[in-house]
ModelCIF file with pLDDT and N, C-alpha, C, O atoms, coordinates in Angstrom:
data_MODEL
#
_entry.id   MODEL 
#
_entity.id                         1 
_entity.type                       polymer 
_entity.pdbx_number_of_molecules   1 
#
_entity_poly.entity_id                      1 
_entity_poly.type                           'polypeptide(L)' 
_entity_poly.nstd_linkage                   no 
_entity_poly.nstd_monomer                   no 
_entity_poly.pdbx_seq_one_letter_code       APGKQRELVAAIDKGGRIQYADSVKGRFTISRDNSKTTVYLQMNSLKP 
_entity_poly.pdbx_seq_one_letter_code_can   APGKQRELVAAIDKGGRIQYADSVKGRFTISRDNSKTTVYLQMNSLKP 
_entity_poly.pdbx_strand_id                 A 
#
loop_
_entity_poly_seq.entity_id 
_entity_poly_seq.num 
_entity_poly_seq.mon_id 
_entity_poly_seq.hetero 
1 1  ALA n 
1 2  PRO n 
1 3  GLY n 
1 4  LYS n 
1 5  GLN n 
1 6  ARG n 
1 7  GLU n 
1 8  LEU n 
1 9  VAL n 
1 10 ALA n 
1 11 ALA n 
1 12 ILE n 
1 13 ASP n 
1 14 LYS n 
1 15 GLY n 
1 16 GLY n 
1 17 ARG n 
1 18 ILE n 
1 19 GLN n 
1 20 TYR n 
1 21 ALA n 
1 22 ASP n 
1 23 SER n 
1 24 VAL n 
1 25 LYS n 
1 26 GLY n 
1 27 ARG n 
1 28 PHE n 
1 29 THR n 
1 30 ILE n 
1 31 SER n 
1 32 ARG n 
1 33 ASP n 
1 34 ASN n 
1 35 SER n 
1 36 LYS n 
1 37 THR n 
1 38 THR n 
1 39 VAL n 
1 40 TYR n 
1 41 LEU n 
1 42 GLN n 
1 43 MET n 
1 44 ASN n 
1 45 SER n 
1 46 LEU n 
1 47 LYS n 
1 48 PRO n 
#
_struct_asym.id          A 
_struct_asym.entity_id   1 
#
loop_
_ma_qa_metric.id 
_ma_qa_metric.mode 
_ma_qa_metric.name 
_ma_qa_metric.software_group_id 
_ma_qa_metric.type 
1 global pLDDT . pLDDT 
2 local  pLDDT . pLDDT 
#
_ma_qa_metric_global.metric_id      1 
_ma_qa_metric_global.metric_value   95.21 
_ma_qa_metric_global.model_id       1 
_ma_qa_metric_global.ordinal_id     1 
#
loop_
_ma_qa_metric_local.label_asym_id 
_ma_qa_metric_local.label_comp_id 
_ma_qa_metric_local.label_seq_id 
_ma_qa_metric_local.metric_id 
_ma_qa_metric_local.metric_value 
_ma_qa_metric_local.model_id 
_ma_qa_metric_local.ordinal_id 
A ALA 1  2 97.00 1 1  
A PRO 2  2 92.00 1 2  
A GLY 3  2 95.00 1 3  
A LYS 4  2 96.00 1 4  
A GLN 5  2 97.00 1 5  
A ARG 6  2 97.00 1 6  
A GLU 7  2 98.00 1 7  
A LEU 8  2 98.00 1 8  
A VAL 9  2 98.00 1 9  
A ALA 10 2 98.00 1 10 
A ALA 11 2 98.00 1 11 
A ILE 12 2 96.00 1 12 
A ASP 13 2 93.00 1 13 
A LYS 14 2 90.00 1 14 
A GLY 15 2 91.00 1 15 
A GLY 16 2 92.00 1 16 
A ARG 17 2 96.00 1 17 
A ILE 18 2 97.00 1 18 
A GLN 19 2 98.00 1 19 
A TYR 20 2 98.00 1 20 
A ALA 21 2 98.00 1 21 
A ASP 22 2 98.00 1 22 
A SER 23 2 97.00 1 23 
A VAL 24 2 98.00 1 24 
A LYS 25 2 98.00 1 25 
A GLY 26 2 98.00 1 26 
A ARG 27 2 98.00 1 27 
A PHE 28 2 98.00 1 28 
A THR 29 2 98.00 1 29 
A ILE 30 2 98.00 1 30 
A SER 31 2 97.00 1 31 
A ARG 32 2 94.00 1 32 
A ASP 33 2 89.00 1 33 
A ASN 34 2 78.00 1 34 
A SER 35 2 82.00 1 35 
A LYS 36 2 77.00 1 36 
A THR 37 2 89.00 1 37 
A THR 38 2 94.00 1 38 
A VAL 39 2 96.00 1 39 
A TYR 40 2 97.00 1 40 
A LEU 41 2 98.00 1 41 
A GLN 42 2 98.00 1 42 
A MET 43 2 98.00 1 43 
A ASN 44 2 98.00 1 44 
A SER 45 2 98.00 1 45 
A LEU 46 2 98.00 1 46 
A LYS 47 2 98.00 1 47 
A PRO 48 2 97.00 1 48 
#
loop_
_atom_site.group_PDB 
_atom_site.id 
_atom_site.type_symbol 
_atom_site.label_atom_id 
_atom_site.label_alt_id 
_atom_site.label_comp_id 
_atom_site.label_asym_id 
_atom_site.label_entity_id 
_atom_site.label_seq_id 
_atom_site.pdbx_PDB_ins_code 
_atom_site.Cartn_x 
_atom_site.Cartn_y 
_atom_site.Cartn_z 
_atom_site.occupancy 
_atom_site.B_iso_or_equiv 
_atom_site.pdbx_formal_charge 
_atom_site.auth_seq_id 
_atom_site.auth_comp_id 
_atom_site.auth_asym_id 
_atom_site.auth_atom_id 
_atom_site.pdbx_PDB_model_num 
ATOM 1   N N  . ALA A 1 1  ? -17.265 -25.176 14.468 1.00 97.00 ? 1  ALA A N  1 
ATOM 2   C CA . ALA A 1 1  ? -18.667 -25.535 13.676 1.00 97.00 ? 1  ALA A CA 1 
ATOM 3   C C  . ALA A 1 1  ? -19.005 -26.819 14.358 1.00 97.00 ? 1  ALA A C  1 
ATOM 4   O O  . ALA A 1 1  ? -18.105 -27.178 15.117 1.00 97.00 ? 1  ALA A O  1 
ATOM 5   N N  . PRO A 1 2  ? -20.235 -27.772 14.304 1.00 92.00 ? 2  PRO A N  1 
ATOM 6   C CA . PRO A 1 2  ? -20.569 -28.738 14.863 1.00 92.00 ? 2  PRO A CA 1 
ATOM 7   C C  . PRO A 1 2  ? -20.218 -30.056 14.621 1.00 92.00 ? 2  PRO A C  1 
ATOM 8   O O  . PRO A 1 2  ? -20.515 -30.633 13.574 1.00 92.00 ? 2  PRO A O  1 
ATOM 9   N N  . GLY A 1 3  ? -19.639 -30.534 15.477 1.00 95.00 ? 3  GLY A N  1 
ATOM 10  C CA . GLY A 1 3  ? -19.289 -31.818 15.266 1.00 95.00 ? 3  GLY A CA 1 
ATOM 11  C C  . GLY A 1 3  ? -17.663 -31.684 14.876 1.00 95.00 ? 3  GLY A C  1 
ATOM 12  O O  . GLY A 1 3  ? -17.147 -32.786 14.691 1.00 95.00 ? 3  GLY A O  1 
ATOM 13  N N  . LYS A 1 4  ? -17.019 -30.867 14.762 1.00 96.00 ? 4  LYS A N  1 
ATOM 14  C CA . LYS A 1 4  ? -15.775 -30.204 14.704 1.00 96.00 ? 4  LYS A CA 1 
ATOM 15  C C  . LYS A 1 4  ? -15.101 -29.445 15.755 1.00 96.00 ? 4  LYS A C  1 
ATOM 16  O O  . LYS A 1 4  ? -15.629 -28.785 16.650 1.00 96.00 ? 4  LYS A O  1 
ATOM 17  N N  . GLN A 1 5  ? -13.233 -29.723 15.403 1.00 97.00 ? 5  GLN A N  1 
ATOM 18  C CA . GLN A 1 5  ? -12.689 -29.261 16.959 1.00 97.00 ? 5  GLN A CA 1 
ATOM 19  C C  . GLN A 1 5  ? -12.973 -27.438 16.818 1.00 97.00 ? 5  GLN A C  1 
ATOM 20  O O  . GLN A 1 5  ? -13.589 -26.998 15.848 1.00 97.00 ? 5  GLN A O  1 
ATOM 21  N N  . ARG A 1 6  ? -12.577 -26.762 17.623 1.00 97.00 ? 6  ARG A N  1 
ATOM 22  C CA . ARG A 1 6  ? -12.163 -25.524 17.238 1.00 97.00 ? 6  ARG A CA 1 
ATOM 23  C C  . ARG A 1 6  ? -10.988 -25.094 16.704 1.00 97.00 ? 6  ARG A C  1 
ATOM 24  O O  . ARG A 1 6  ? -9.867  -25.455 17.062 1.00 97.00 ? 6  ARG A O  1 
ATOM 25  N N  . GLU A 1 7  ? -11.304 -24.178 15.689 1.00 98.00 ? 7  GLU A N  1 
ATOM 26  C CA . GLU A 1 7  ? -9.827  -23.979 15.017 1.00 98.00 ? 7  GLU A CA 1 
ATOM 27  C C  . GLU A 1 7  ? -9.518  -22.258 15.040 1.00 98.00 ? 7  GLU A C  1 
ATOM 28  O O  . GLU A 1 7  ? -10.401 -21.403 15.104 1.00 98.00 ? 7  GLU A O  1 
ATOM 29  N N  . LEU A 1 8  ? -8.212  -22.027 14.980 1.00 98.00 ? 8  LEU A N  1 
ATOM 30  C CA . LEU A 1 8  ? -7.886  -20.308 14.621 1.00 98.00 ? 8  LEU A CA 1 
ATOM 31  C C  . LEU A 1 8  ? -8.395  -19.894 13.391 1.00 98.00 ? 8  LEU A C  1 
ATOM 32  O O  . LEU A 1 8  ? -8.202  -20.547 12.366 1.00 98.00 ? 8  LEU A O  1 
ATOM 33  N N  . VAL A 1 9  ? -9.146  -18.667 13.424 1.00 98.00 ? 9  VAL A N  1 
ATOM 34  C CA . VAL A 1 9  ? -9.601  -18.094 12.492 1.00 98.00 ? 9  VAL A CA 1 
ATOM 35  C C  . VAL A 1 9  ? -8.679  -16.860 11.953 1.00 98.00 ? 9  VAL A C  1 
ATOM 36  O O  . VAL A 1 9  ? -8.832  -16.549 10.772 1.00 98.00 ? 9  VAL A O  1 
ATOM 37  N N  . ALA A 1 10 ? -7.710  -16.120 12.753 1.00 98.00 ? 10 ALA A N  1 
ATOM 38  C CA . ALA A 1 10 ? -7.207  -14.806 12.864 1.00 98.00 ? 10 ALA A CA 1 
ATOM 39  C C  . ALA A 1 10 ? -6.932  -14.530 14.314 1.00 98.00 ? 10 ALA A C  1 
ATOM 40  O O  . ALA A 1 10 ? -7.702  -14.494 15.274 1.00 98.00 ? 10 ALA A O  1 
ATOM 41  N N  . ALA A 1 11 ? -5.410  -14.311 14.212 1.00 98.00 ? 11 ALA A N  1 
ATOM 42  C CA . ALA A 1 11 ? -4.863  -13.375 15.293 1.00 98.00 ? 11 ALA A CA 1 
ATOM 43  C C  . ALA A 1 11 ? -4.124  -12.305 15.286 1.00 98.00 ? 11 ALA A C  1 
ATOM 44  O O  . ALA A 1 11 ? -4.071  -11.799 14.165 1.00 98.00 ? 11 ALA A O  1 
ATOM 45  N N  . ILE A 1 12 ? -3.530  -11.756 16.090 1.00 96.00 ? 12 ILE A N  1 
ATOM 46  C CA . ILE A 1 12 ? -2.982  -10.460 15.937 1.00 96.00 ? 12 ILE A CA 1 
ATOM 47  C C  . ILE A 1 12 ? -2.623  -9.901  16.856 1.00 96.00 ? 12 ILE A C  1 
ATOM 48  O O  . ILE A 1 12 ? -3.438  -9.277  17.535 1.00 96.00 ? 12 ILE A O  1 
ATOM 49  N N  . ASP A 1 13 ? -1.182  -9.940  17.212 1.00 93.00 ? 13 ASP A N  1 
ATOM 50  C CA . ASP A 1 13 ? -0.751  -10.020 18.680 1.00 93.00 ? 13 ASP A CA 1 
ATOM 51  C C  . ASP A 1 13 ? -0.417  -8.118  19.009 1.00 93.00 ? 13 ASP A C  1 
ATOM 52  O O  . ASP A 1 13 ? -1.076  -7.384  18.271 1.00 93.00 ? 13 ASP A O  1 
ATOM 53  N N  . LYS A 1 14 ? 0.397   -7.493  19.891 1.00 90.00 ? 14 LYS A N  1 
ATOM 54  C CA . LYS A 1 14 ? 0.362   -6.248  20.399 1.00 90.00 ? 14 LYS A CA 1 
ATOM 55  C C  . LYS A 1 14 ? 1.298   -5.134  19.392 1.00 90.00 ? 14 LYS A C  1 
ATOM 56  O O  . LYS A 1 14 ? 1.446   -3.915  19.489 1.00 90.00 ? 14 LYS A O  1 
ATOM 57  N N  . GLY A 1 15 ? 1.845   -6.137  18.397 1.00 91.00 ? 15 GLY A N  1 
ATOM 58  C CA . GLY A 1 15 ? 3.312   -5.790  17.686 1.00 91.00 ? 15 GLY A CA 1 
ATOM 59  C C  . GLY A 1 15 ? 2.537   -5.386  16.665 1.00 91.00 ? 15 GLY A C  1 
ATOM 60  O O  . GLY A 1 15 ? 2.977   -4.344  16.178 1.00 91.00 ? 15 GLY A O  1 
ATOM 61  N N  . GLY A 1 16 ? 1.456   -5.826  16.084 1.00 92.00 ? 16 GLY A N  1 
ATOM 62  C CA . GLY A 1 16 ? 0.171   -5.968  14.701 1.00 92.00 ? 16 GLY A CA 1 
ATOM 63  C C  . GLY A 1 16 ? 0.864   -6.743  13.868 1.00 92.00 ? 16 GLY A C  1 
ATOM 64  O O  . GLY A 1 16 ? 1.023   -6.483  12.676 1.00 92.00 ? 16 GLY A O  1 
ATOM 65  N N  . ARG A 1 17 ? 1.651   -8.490  14.896 1.00 96.00 ? 17 ARG A N  1 
ATOM 66  C CA . ARG A 1 17 ? 1.748   -9.298  13.781 1.00 96.00 ? 17 ARG A CA 1 
ATOM 67  C C  . ARG A 1 17 ? 0.660   -9.906  13.904 1.00 96.00 ? 17 ARG A C  1 
ATOM 68  O O  . ARG A 1 17 ? 0.021   -10.183 14.919 1.00 96.00 ? 17 ARG A O  1 
ATOM 69  N N  . ILE A 1 18 ? 0.368   -10.204 12.326 1.00 97.00 ? 18 ILE A N  1 
ATOM 70  C CA . ILE A 1 18 ? -1.233  -11.154 12.287 1.00 97.00 ? 18 ILE A CA 1 
ATOM 71  C C  . ILE A 1 18 ? -1.053  -12.387 11.604 1.00 97.00 ? 18 ILE A C  1 
ATOM 72  O O  . ILE A 1 18 ? -0.443  -12.245 10.544 1.00 97.00 ? 18 ILE A O  1 
ATOM 73  N N  . GLN A 1 19 ? -1.288  -13.199 11.793 1.00 98.00 ? 19 GLN A N  1 
ATOM 74  C CA . GLN A 1 19 ? -1.579  -14.938 11.002 1.00 98.00 ? 19 GLN A CA 1 
ATOM 75  C C  . GLN A 1 19 ? -3.318  -14.822 10.741 1.00 98.00 ? 19 GLN A C  1 
ATOM 76  O O  . GLN A 1 19 ? -4.126  -14.119 11.348 1.00 98.00 ? 19 GLN A O  1 
ATOM 77  N N  . TYR A 1 20 ? -3.550  -15.807 9.583  1.00 98.00 ? 20 TYR A N  1 
ATOM 78  C CA . TYR A 1 20 ? -5.060  -16.283 8.905  1.00 98.00 ? 20 TYR A CA 1 
ATOM 79  C C  . TYR A 1 20 ? -4.885  -17.425 8.933  1.00 98.00 ? 20 TYR A C  1 
ATOM 80  O O  . TYR A 1 20 ? -3.730  -17.844 9.019  1.00 98.00 ? 20 TYR A O  1 
ATOM 81  N N  . ALA A 1 21 ? -5.776  -18.146 8.880  1.00 98.00 ? 21 ALA A N  1 
ATOM 82  C CA . ALA A 1 21 ? -6.222  -19.960 8.306  1.00 98.00 ? 21 ALA A CA 1 
ATOM 83  C C  . ALA A 1 21 ? -6.375  -19.049 7.536  1.00 98.00 ? 21 ALA A C  1 
ATOM 84  O O  . ALA A 1 21 ? -6.694  -17.862 7.481  1.00 98.00 ? 21 ALA A O  1 
ATOM 85  N N  . ASP A 1 22 ? -5.925  -20.285 6.662  1.00 98.00 ? 22 ASP A N  1 
ATOM 86  C CA . ASP A 1 22 ? -5.609  -20.220 4.978  1.00 98.00 ? 22 ASP A CA 1 
ATOM 87  C C  . ASP A 1 22 ? -6.583  -20.276 4.559  1.00 98.00 ? 22 ASP A C  1 
ATOM 88  O O  . ASP A 1 22 ? -6.617  -19.782 3.432  1.00 98.00 ? 22 ASP A O  1 
ATOM 89  N N  . SER A 1 23 ? -8.147  -20.927 5.144  1.00 97.00 ? 23 SER A N  1 
ATOM 90  C CA . SER A 1 23 ? -9.005  -20.937 4.321  1.00 97.00 ? 23 SER A CA 1 
ATOM 91  C C  . SER A 1 23 ? -10.177 -19.458 4.107  1.00 97.00 ? 23 SER A C  1 
ATOM 92  O O  . SER A 1 23 ? -11.107 -19.229 3.333  1.00 97.00 ? 23 SER A O  1 
ATOM 93  N N  . VAL A 1 24 ? -9.387  -18.525 5.484  1.00 98.00 ? 24 VAL A N  1 
ATOM 94  C CA . VAL A 1 24 ? -10.247 -17.170 5.175  1.00 98.00 ? 24 VAL A CA 1 
ATOM 95  C C  . VAL A 1 24 ? -9.369  -16.380 4.496  1.00 98.00 ? 24 VAL A C  1 
ATOM 96  O O  . VAL A 1 24 ? -9.818  -15.321 4.056  1.00 98.00 ? 24 VAL A O  1 
ATOM 97  N N  . LYS A 1 25 ? -8.074  -16.680 4.281  1.00 98.00 ? 25 LYS A N  1 
ATOM 98  C CA . LYS A 1 25 ? -7.471  -15.711 3.712  1.00 98.00 ? 25 LYS A CA 1 
ATOM 99  C C  . LYS A 1 25 ? -7.849  -14.764 2.072  1.00 98.00 ? 25 LYS A C  1 
ATOM 100 O O  . LYS A 1 25 ? -8.326  -15.261 1.052  1.00 98.00 ? 25 LYS A O  1 
ATOM 101 N N  . GLY A 1 26 ? -7.484  -13.449 2.274  1.00 98.00 ? 26 GLY A N  1 
ATOM 102 C CA . GLY A 1 26 ? -8.119  -13.198 1.564  1.00 98.00 ? 26 GLY A CA 1 
ATOM 103 C C  . GLY A 1 26 ? -9.676  -12.063 1.938  1.00 98.00 ? 26 GLY A C  1 
ATOM 104 O O  . GLY A 1 26 ? -9.863  -10.883 1.640  1.00 98.00 ? 26 GLY A O  1 
ATOM 105 N N  . ARG A 1 27 ? -10.483 -12.961 2.620  1.00 98.00 ? 27 ARG A N  1 
ATOM 106 C CA . ARG A 1 27 ? -11.752 -12.717 2.412  1.00 98.00 ? 27 ARG A CA 1 
ATOM 107 C C  . ARG A 1 27 ? -12.084 -12.219 4.439  1.00 98.00 ? 27 ARG A C  1 
ATOM 108 O O  . ARG A 1 27 ? -13.138 -11.873 4.972  1.00 98.00 ? 27 ARG A O  1 
ATOM 109 N N  . PHE A 1 28 ? -11.149 -12.340 4.849  1.00 98.00 ? 28 PHE A N  1 
ATOM 110 C CA . PHE A 1 28 ? -11.489 -12.075 6.257  1.00 98.00 ? 28 PHE A CA 1 
ATOM 111 C C  . PHE A 1 28 ? -10.224 -11.055 6.829  1.00 98.00 ? 28 PHE A C  1 
ATOM 112 O O  . PHE A 1 28 ? -9.052  -11.294 6.538  1.00 98.00 ? 28 PHE A O  1 
ATOM 113 N N  . THR A 1 29 ? -10.647 -9.830  7.722  1.00 98.00 ? 29 THR A N  1 
ATOM 114 C CA . THR A 1 29 ? -9.120  -8.780  8.397  1.00 98.00 ? 29 THR A CA 1 
ATOM 115 C C  . THR A 1 29 ? -9.381  -8.961  9.425  1.00 98.00 ? 29 THR A C  1 
ATOM 116 O O  . THR A 1 29 ? -10.569 -9.048  9.737  1.00 98.00 ? 29 THR A O  1 
ATOM 117 N N  . ILE A 1 30 ? -8.240  -9.108  10.486 1.00 98.00 ? 30 ILE A N  1 
ATOM 118 C CA . ILE A 1 30 ? -8.628  -9.086  11.765 1.00 98.00 ? 30 ILE A CA 1 
ATOM 119 C C  . ILE A 1 30 ? -7.376  -7.435  12.153 1.00 98.00 ? 30 ILE A C  1 
ATOM 120 O O  . ILE A 1 30 ? -6.196  -7.282  11.836 1.00 98.00 ? 30 ILE A O  1 
ATOM 121 N N  . SER A 1 31 ? -8.331  -6.492  12.929 1.00 97.00 ? 31 SER A N  1 
ATOM 122 C CA . SER A 1 31 ? -7.868  -5.573  13.813 1.00 97.00 ? 31 SER A CA 1 
ATOM 123 C C  . SER A 1 31 ? -7.470  -5.100  14.903 1.00 97.00 ? 31 SER A C  1 
ATOM 124 O O  . SER A 1 31 ? -6.444  -5.716  15.191 1.00 97.00 ? 31 SER A O  1 
ATOM 125 N N  . ARG A 1 32 ? -7.698  -4.363  15.664 1.00 94.00 ? 32 ARG A N  1 
ATOM 126 C CA . ARG A 1 32 ? -7.241  -4.238  17.227 1.00 94.00 ? 32 ARG A CA 1 
ATOM 127 C C  . ARG A 1 32 ? -7.379  -2.654  16.873 1.00 94.00 ? 32 ARG A C  1 
ATOM 128 O O  . ARG A 1 32 ? -7.097  -2.051  15.838 1.00 94.00 ? 32 ARG A O  1 
ATOM 129 N N  . ASP A 1 33 ? -7.930  -2.192  18.140 1.00 89.00 ? 33 ASP A N  1 
ATOM 130 C CA . ASP A 1 33 ? -7.983  -0.875  18.349 1.00 89.00 ? 33 ASP A CA 1 
ATOM 131 C C  . ASP A 1 33 ? -6.696  -0.056  18.614 1.00 89.00 ? 33 ASP A C  1 
ATOM 132 O O  . ASP A 1 33 ? -5.621  -0.653  18.684 1.00 89.00 ? 33 ASP A O  1 
ATOM 133 N N  . ASN A 1 34 ? -6.756  1.187   18.753 1.00 78.00 ? 34 ASN A N  1 
ATOM 134 C CA . ASN A 1 34 ? -5.472  1.398   19.956 1.00 78.00 ? 34 ASN A CA 1 
ATOM 135 C C  . ASN A 1 34 ? -4.928  1.124   20.775 1.00 78.00 ? 34 ASN A C  1 
ATOM 136 O O  . ASN A 1 34 ? -3.724  0.921   20.932 1.00 78.00 ? 34 ASN A O  1 
ATOM 137 N N  . SER A 1 35 ? -6.142  1.061   21.713 1.00 82.00 ? 35 SER A N  1 
ATOM 138 C CA . SER A 1 35 ? -5.987  0.801   23.065 1.00 82.00 ? 35 SER A CA 1 
ATOM 139 C C  . SER A 1 35 ? -5.215  -0.708  23.231 1.00 82.00 ? 35 SER A C  1 
ATOM 140 O O  . SER A 1 35 ? -4.347  -0.935  24.074 1.00 82.00 ? 35 SER A O  1 
ATOM 141 N N  . LYS A 1 36 ? -5.556  -1.358  22.569 1.00 77.00 ? 36 LYS A N  1 
ATOM 142 C CA . LYS A 1 36 ? -5.271  -2.932  21.794 1.00 77.00 ? 36 LYS A CA 1 
ATOM 143 C C  . LYS A 1 36 ? -5.915  -3.902  22.863 1.00 77.00 ? 36 LYS A C  1 
ATOM 144 O O  . LYS A 1 36 ? -5.328  -4.847  23.389 1.00 77.00 ? 36 LYS A O  1 
ATOM 145 N N  . THR A 1 37 ? -7.391  -3.460  23.129 1.00 89.00 ? 37 THR A N  1 
ATOM 146 C CA . THR A 1 37 ? -8.306  -3.507  23.946 1.00 89.00 ? 37 THR A CA 1 
ATOM 147 C C  . THR A 1 37 ? -9.446  -4.673  23.474 1.00 89.00 ? 37 THR A C  1 
ATOM 148 O O  . THR A 1 37 ? -10.012 -5.665  23.934 1.00 89.00 ? 37 THR A O  1 
ATOM 149 N N  . THR A 1 38 ? -9.378  -3.767  22.094 1.00 94.00 ? 38 THR A N  1 
ATOM 150 C CA . THR A 1 38 ? -10.834 -4.262  21.244 1.00 94.00 ? 38 THR A CA 1 
ATOM 151 C C  . THR A 1 38 ? -10.341 -5.238  20.339 1.00 94.00 ? 38 THR A C  1 
ATOM 152 O O  . THR A 1 38 ? -9.168  -4.893  20.192 1.00 94.00 ? 38 THR A O  1 
ATOM 153 N N  . VAL A 1 39 ? -10.569 -6.473  19.492 1.00 96.00 ? 39 VAL A N  1 
ATOM 154 C CA . VAL A 1 39 ? -10.956 -6.861  18.311 1.00 96.00 ? 39 VAL A CA 1 
ATOM 155 C C  . VAL A 1 39 ? -11.666 -7.154  18.049 1.00 96.00 ? 39 VAL A C  1 
ATOM 156 O O  . VAL A 1 39 ? -12.496 -7.887  18.587 1.00 96.00 ? 39 VAL A O  1 
ATOM 157 N N  . TYR A 1 40 ? -11.558 -6.074  15.857 1.00 97.00 ? 40 TYR A N  1 
ATOM 158 C CA . TYR A 1 40 ? -12.260 -7.117  15.181 1.00 97.00 ? 40 TYR A CA 1 
ATOM 159 C C  . TYR A 1 40 ? -12.197 -7.728  13.810 1.00 97.00 ? 40 TYR A C  1 
ATOM 160 O O  . TYR A 1 40 ? -11.293 -7.401  13.041 1.00 97.00 ? 40 TYR A O  1 
ATOM 161 N N  . LEU A 1 41 ? -13.189 -8.671  13.441 1.00 98.00 ? 41 LEU A N  1 
ATOM 162 C CA . LEU A 1 41 ? -13.181 -9.222  12.263 1.00 98.00 ? 41 LEU A CA 1 
ATOM 163 C C  . LEU A 1 41 ? -13.860 -9.425  11.363 1.00 98.00 ? 41 LEU A C  1 
ATOM 164 O O  . LEU A 1 41 ? -14.828 -10.182 11.288 1.00 98.00 ? 41 LEU A O  1 
ATOM 165 N N  . GLN A 1 42 ? -13.271 -8.561  10.368 1.00 98.00 ? 42 GLN A N  1 
ATOM 166 C CA . GLN A 1 42 ? -14.463 -7.456  8.826  1.00 98.00 ? 42 GLN A CA 1 
ATOM 167 C C  . GLN A 1 42 ? -14.864 -9.781  8.361  1.00 98.00 ? 42 GLN A C  1 
ATOM 168 O O  . GLN A 1 42 ? -14.120 -10.630 8.851  1.00 98.00 ? 42 GLN A O  1 
ATOM 169 N N  . MET A 1 43 ? -15.379 -9.948  7.967  1.00 98.00 ? 43 MET A N  1 
ATOM 170 C CA . MET A 1 43 ? -15.294 -11.206 7.361  1.00 98.00 ? 43 MET A CA 1 
ATOM 171 C C  . MET A 1 43 ? -16.280 -10.989 6.289  1.00 98.00 ? 43 MET A C  1 
ATOM 172 O O  . MET A 1 43 ? -17.416 -10.621 6.586  1.00 98.00 ? 43 MET A O  1 
ATOM 173 N N  . ASN A 1 44 ? -15.753 -11.291 4.424  1.00 98.00 ? 44 ASN A N  1 
ATOM 174 C CA . ASN A 1 44 ? -16.306 -10.751 3.527  1.00 98.00 ? 44 ASN A CA 1 
ATOM 175 C C  . ASN A 1 44 ? -16.240 -12.267 2.668  1.00 98.00 ? 44 ASN A C  1 
ATOM 176 O O  . ASN A 1 44 ? -15.643 -13.290 3.004  1.00 98.00 ? 44 ASN A O  1 
ATOM 177 N N  . SER A 1 45 ? -17.154 -11.991 1.326  1.00 98.00 ? 45 SER A N  1 
ATOM 178 C CA . SER A 1 45 ? -16.962 -13.286 0.842  1.00 98.00 ? 45 SER A CA 1 
ATOM 179 C C  . SER A 1 45 ? -17.435 -14.419 1.399  1.00 98.00 ? 45 SER A C  1 
ATOM 180 O O  . SER A 1 45 ? -16.954 -15.533 1.193  1.00 98.00 ? 45 SER A O  1 
ATOM 181 N N  . LEU A 1 46 ? -18.909 -14.044 2.513  1.00 98.00 ? 46 LEU A N  1 
ATOM 182 C CA . LEU A 1 46 ? -18.653 -15.415 3.298  1.00 98.00 ? 46 LEU A CA 1 
ATOM 183 C C  . LEU A 1 46 ? -19.213 -16.693 2.996  1.00 98.00 ? 46 LEU A C  1 
ATOM 184 O O  . LEU A 1 46 ? -19.722 -16.594 1.880  1.00 98.00 ? 46 LEU A O  1 
ATOM 185 N N  . LYS A 1 47 ? -19.362 -17.805 3.434  1.00 98.00 ? 47 LYS A N  1 
ATOM 186 C CA . LYS A 1 47 ? -19.139 -19.149 2.413  1.00 98.00 ? 47 LYS A CA 1 
ATOM 187 C C  . LYS A 1 47 ? -20.086 -19.768 3.221  1.00 98.00 ? 47 LYS A C  1 
ATOM 188 O O  . LYS A 1 47 ? -20.038 -19.293 4.355  1.00 98.00 ? 47 LYS A O  1 
ATOM 189 N N  . PRO A 1 48 ? -21.159 -20.875 3.063  1.00 97.00 ? 48 PRO A N  1 
ATOM 190 C CA . PRO A 1 48 ? -21.536 -21.377 4.054  1.00 97.00 ? 48 PRO A CA 1 
ATOM 191 C C  . PRO A 1 48 ? -20.828 -22.585 4.881  1.00 97.00 ? 48 PRO A C  1 
ATOM 192 O O  . PRO A 1 48 ? -21.346 -23.012 5.913  1.00 97.00 ? 48 PRO A O  1 
#
């Protein structure tokens, strides 16, 4: 965000282990396709 440092939102490794920032838990979902070369971030209940 403007004036702020870059921060991790979510990550997924090739074994399927996932981590989320506390601020997005329960609202965002990260996923990866079977080829493991495309990653998605579904963002729900978005806030300003």
